Amino acid sequence: MQANKSQVTRLLKTARGQIDGILKMVEDDRYCIDITHQIMATQAILKRANKEIIGAHMKHCVVEAVDSQDSEKKIDEMIGIIDELLK
């Protein structure tokens, strides 16, 4: 993985902490909208982590594949990821 590991780790640990908090909110029968806001905030953090990982992949792995004439496989891989993100 070529992404900034410390940044990705920090983001994922933050998301994990938020998920623990969301579970506690559910257990405590907190207001649904408050829970939903926390879920959306966690999703935003996960999206930031994913953006970092995908960006690094494109800058390193895809560029290397293009340089080595193995680009079609990597481009197809990225198209698959983009398809999943757009669902």
Foldseek 3Di string as FASTA:
>chain_A
DQFPVVLLVVLVVVLVVLVVVLVVCVVVVHDPVVSVVSVVVSVVSVVVSVCRVVVRCCVPVQVVCVVVVNNVVVVVVVVVVVVVVVD
